[in-house]
Amino acid sequence: MTADSLAQVKMGTEALALCIAGVLCERDSALLPAFRERAELLHHVLDDRGDHDAAAMLAAFGRALDDPAFKRS
């Protein structure tokens, strides 16, 4: 696989994981605080290791968890 293909696979896997986590939190709001804590921890780990794109995606997802526009009515 080329570097571009690996990057696409990595980003797709991360996006899928975040979508699954979002659905779980949506169905059981008790999971939300623990998920926020883990997402923040993972954001710092990714940022510290230099994976700024993945860290930025996690930060955006964390903001979306609090944004009423992203919540279903």
N, C-alpha and C. Protein backbone atom coordinates (compact mmCIF):
# COMPACT_ATOMS: atom_id res chain seq x y z
N MET A 1 0.84 -1.19 0.00
CA MET A 1 0.00 0.00 0.00
C MET A 1 0.88 1.25 0.00
N THR A 2 0.40 2.25 -0.66
CA THR A 2 1.14 3.50 -0.68
C THR A 2 0.85 4.29 0.60
N ALA A 3 1.66 5.30 0.84
CA ALA A 3 1.47 6.13 2.04
C ALA A 3 0.11 6.82 2.01
N ASP A 4 -0.31 7.24 0.83
CA ASP A 4 -1.63 7.90 0.71
C ASP A 4 -2.75 6.93 1.05
N SER A 5 -2.64 5.69 0.58
CA SER A 5 -3.66 4.68 0.87
C SER A 5 -3.72 4.38 2.36
N LEU A 6 -2.56 4.26 2.99
CA LEU A 6 -2.52 4.00 4.43
C LEU A 6 -3.14 5.16 5.22
N ALA A 7 -2.87 6.37 4.79
CA ALA A 7 -3.45 7.54 5.46
C ALA A 7 -4.97 7.54 5.33
N GLN A 8 -5.47 7.16 4.16
CA GLN A 8 -6.91 7.11 3.96
C GLN A 8 -7.55 6.02 4.82
N VAL A 9 -6.90 4.88 4.92
CA VAL A 9 -7.42 3.79 5.75
C VAL A 9 -7.44 4.23 7.21
N LYS A 10 -6.36 4.86 7.65
CA LYS A 10 -6.27 5.33 9.03
C LYS A 10 -7.37 6.34 9.34
N MET A 11 -7.56 7.30 8.47
CA MET A 11 -8.57 8.33 8.70
C MET A 11 -9.98 7.74 8.66
N GLY A 12 -10.21 6.81 7.76
CA GLY A 12 -11.52 6.16 7.68
C GLY A 12 -11.82 5.34 8.92
N THR A 13 -10.82 4.66 9.44
CA THR A 13 -10.99 3.86 10.65
C THR A 13 -11.29 4.76 11.84
N GLU A 14 -10.57 5.86 11.95
CA GLU A 14 -10.80 6.81 13.04
C GLU A 14 -12.20 7.41 12.95
N ALA A 15 -12.61 7.76 11.75
CA ALA A 15 -13.95 8.34 11.56
C ALA A 15 -15.03 7.34 11.92
N LEU A 16 -14.86 6.09 11.53
CA LEU A 16 -15.83 5.06 11.86
C LEU A 16 -15.92 4.85 13.37
N ALA A 17 -14.78 4.82 14.04
CA ALA A 17 -14.77 4.66 15.49
C ALA A 17 -15.49 5.82 16.18
N LEU A 18 -15.27 7.02 15.69
CA LEU A 18 -15.94 8.18 16.28
C LEU A 18 -17.44 8.15 16.03
N CYS A 19 -17.85 7.69 14.86
CA CYS A 19 -19.29 7.58 14.58
C CYS A 19 -19.95 6.56 15.50
N ILE A 20 -19.29 5.44 15.71
CA ILE A 20 -19.84 4.42 16.62
C ILE A 20 -19.95 4.98 18.03
N ALA A 21 -18.91 5.67 18.49
CA ALA A 21 -18.93 6.26 19.83
C ALA A 21 -20.05 7.30 19.94
N GLY A 22 -20.23 8.08 18.90
CA GLY A 22 -21.30 9.08 18.91
C GLY A 22 -22.68 8.46 19.04
N VAL A 23 -22.91 7.37 18.33
CA VAL A 23 -24.20 6.69 18.41
C VAL A 23 -24.40 6.10 19.80
N LEU A 24 -23.35 5.50 20.36
CA LEU A 24 -23.47 4.95 21.71
C LEU A 24 -23.81 6.02 22.73
N CYS A 25 -23.16 7.17 22.63
CA CYS A 25 -23.43 8.28 23.56
C CYS A 25 -24.83 8.84 23.35
N GLU A 26 -25.27 8.83 22.12
CA GLU A 26 -26.61 9.33 21.82
C GLU A 26 -27.68 8.42 22.42
N ARG A 27 -27.44 7.13 22.40
CA ARG A 27 -28.41 6.17 22.92
C ARG A 27 -28.38 6.08 24.44
N ASP A 28 -27.21 6.30 25.04
CA ASP A 28 -27.09 6.24 26.49
C ASP A 28 -26.26 7.43 26.95
N SER A 29 -26.92 8.49 27.34
CA SER A 29 -26.22 9.74 27.69
C SER A 29 -25.31 9.59 28.90
N ALA A 30 -25.46 8.52 29.68
CA ALA A 30 -24.58 8.28 30.82
C ALA A 30 -23.14 7.99 30.36
N LEU A 31 -22.98 7.57 29.12
CA LEU A 31 -21.65 7.30 28.58
C LEU A 31 -20.90 8.57 28.19
N LEU A 32 -21.61 9.66 28.00
CA LEU A 32 -21.03 10.88 27.47
C LEU A 32 -19.87 11.43 28.32
N PRO A 33 -19.99 11.57 29.64
CA PRO A 33 -18.85 12.11 30.40
C PRO A 33 -17.58 11.25 30.29
N ALA A 34 -17.75 9.93 30.35
CA ALA A 34 -16.58 9.06 30.23
C ALA A 34 -15.98 9.16 28.83
N PHE A 35 -16.84 9.25 27.82
CA PHE A 35 -16.33 9.36 26.45
C PHE A 35 -15.58 10.68 26.26
N ARG A 36 -16.12 11.77 26.80
CA ARG A 36 -15.44 13.06 26.69
C ARG A 36 -14.05 13.00 27.33
N GLU A 37 -13.97 12.36 28.49
CA GLU A 37 -12.69 12.25 29.20
C GLU A 37 -11.69 11.45 28.36
N ARG A 38 -12.13 10.34 27.81
CA ARG A 38 -11.24 9.50 27.00
C ARG A 38 -10.85 10.21 25.70
N ALA A 39 -11.79 10.92 25.10
CA ALA A 39 -11.49 11.64 23.86
C ALA A 39 -10.46 12.73 24.12
N GLU A 40 -10.58 13.42 25.25
CA GLU A 40 -9.61 14.47 25.59
C GLU A 40 -8.22 13.85 25.83
N LEU A 41 -8.18 12.73 26.52
CA LEU A 41 -6.92 12.05 26.77
C LEU A 41 -6.28 11.61 25.46
N LEU A 42 -7.08 11.01 24.57
CA LEU A 42 -6.57 10.58 23.28
C LEU A 42 -6.12 11.77 22.44
N HIS A 43 -6.83 12.88 22.52
CA HIS A 43 -6.43 14.10 21.80
C HIS A 43 -5.03 14.51 22.22
N HIS A 44 -4.76 14.52 23.53
CA HIS A 44 -3.43 14.91 24.02
C HIS A 44 -2.36 13.92 23.58
N VAL A 45 -2.66 12.63 23.61
CA VAL A 45 -1.71 11.62 23.17
C VAL A 45 -1.36 11.81 21.70
N LEU A 46 -2.39 11.98 20.87
CA LEU A 46 -2.15 12.16 19.43
C LEU A 46 -1.38 13.44 19.15
N ASP A 47 -1.74 14.51 19.84
CA ASP A 47 -1.06 15.78 19.63
C ASP A 47 0.40 15.70 20.07
N ASP A 48 0.64 15.03 21.19
CA ASP A 48 2.01 14.90 21.69
C ASP A 48 2.89 14.07 20.76
N ARG A 49 2.30 13.08 20.11
CA ARG A 49 3.11 12.24 19.22
C ARG A 49 3.23 12.83 17.82
N GLY A 50 2.60 13.98 17.60
CA GLY A 50 2.75 14.69 16.34
C GLY A 50 1.69 14.38 15.30
N ASP A 51 0.67 13.63 15.66
CA ASP A 51 -0.41 13.32 14.72
C ASP A 51 -1.49 14.39 14.86
N HIS A 52 -1.16 15.58 14.37
CA HIS A 52 -2.01 16.75 14.57
C HIS A 52 -3.34 16.66 13.82
N ASP A 53 -3.35 15.97 12.68
CA ASP A 53 -4.60 15.83 11.93
C ASP A 53 -5.62 15.00 12.72
N ALA A 54 -5.17 13.89 13.26
CA ALA A 54 -6.07 13.04 14.05
C ALA A 54 -6.50 13.77 15.32
N ALA A 55 -5.58 14.51 15.94
CA ALA A 55 -5.91 15.26 17.15
C ALA A 55 -6.95 16.33 16.84
N ALA A 56 -6.82 16.99 15.71
CA ALA A 56 -7.78 18.03 15.32
C ALA A 56 -9.15 17.41 15.06
N MET A 57 -9.18 16.22 14.46
CA MET A 57 -10.45 15.55 14.21
C MET A 57 -11.13 15.19 15.53
N LEU A 58 -10.36 14.72 16.49
CA LEU A 58 -10.91 14.39 17.80
C LEU A 58 -11.43 15.64 18.51
N ALA A 59 -10.70 16.73 18.41
CA ALA A 59 -11.14 17.98 19.02
C ALA A 59 -12.45 18.45 18.40
N ALA A 60 -12.57 18.34 17.09
CA ALA A 60 -13.81 18.74 16.41
C ALA A 60 -14.97 17.86 16.86
N PHE A 61 -14.72 16.57 17.02
CA PHE A 61 -15.77 15.67 17.47
C PHE A 61 -16.19 16.01 18.90
N GLY A 62 -15.23 16.33 19.74
CA GLY A 62 -15.54 16.72 21.12
C GLY A 62 -16.41 17.96 21.17
N ARG A 63 -16.12 18.92 20.30
CA ARG A 63 -16.96 20.12 20.24
C ARG A 63 -18.35 19.78 19.73
N ALA A 64 -18.43 18.86 18.80
CA ALA A 64 -19.73 18.47 18.25
C ALA A 64 -20.61 17.80 19.30
N LEU A 65 -20.00 17.12 20.25
CA LEU A 65 -20.78 16.48 21.30
C LEU A 65 -21.57 17.49 22.13
N ASP A 66 -21.04 18.71 22.23
CA ASP A 66 -21.69 19.75 23.02
C ASP A 66 -22.55 20.69 22.19
N ASP A 67 -22.46 20.60 20.88
CA ASP A 67 -23.17 21.52 20.00
C ASP A 67 -24.59 21.03 19.76
N PRO A 68 -25.59 21.83 20.14
CA PRO A 68 -26.98 21.40 19.96
C PRO A 68 -27.34 21.14 18.49
N ALA A 69 -26.65 21.75 17.56
CA ALA A 69 -26.95 21.55 16.14
C ALA A 69 -26.68 20.11 15.71
N PHE A 70 -25.80 19.41 16.43
CA PHE A 70 -25.46 18.04 16.07
C PHE A 70 -26.32 17.01 16.78
N LYS A 71 -27.18 17.45 17.68
CA LYS A 71 -28.02 16.52 18.43
C LYS A 71 -29.34 16.30 17.71
N ARG A 72 -29.82 15.08 17.76
CA ARG A 72 -31.11 14.78 17.14
C ARG A 72 -32.23 15.32 18.02
N SER A 73 -33.30 15.74 17.39
CA SER A 73 -34.45 16.25 18.13
C SER A 73 -35.36 15.13 18.58
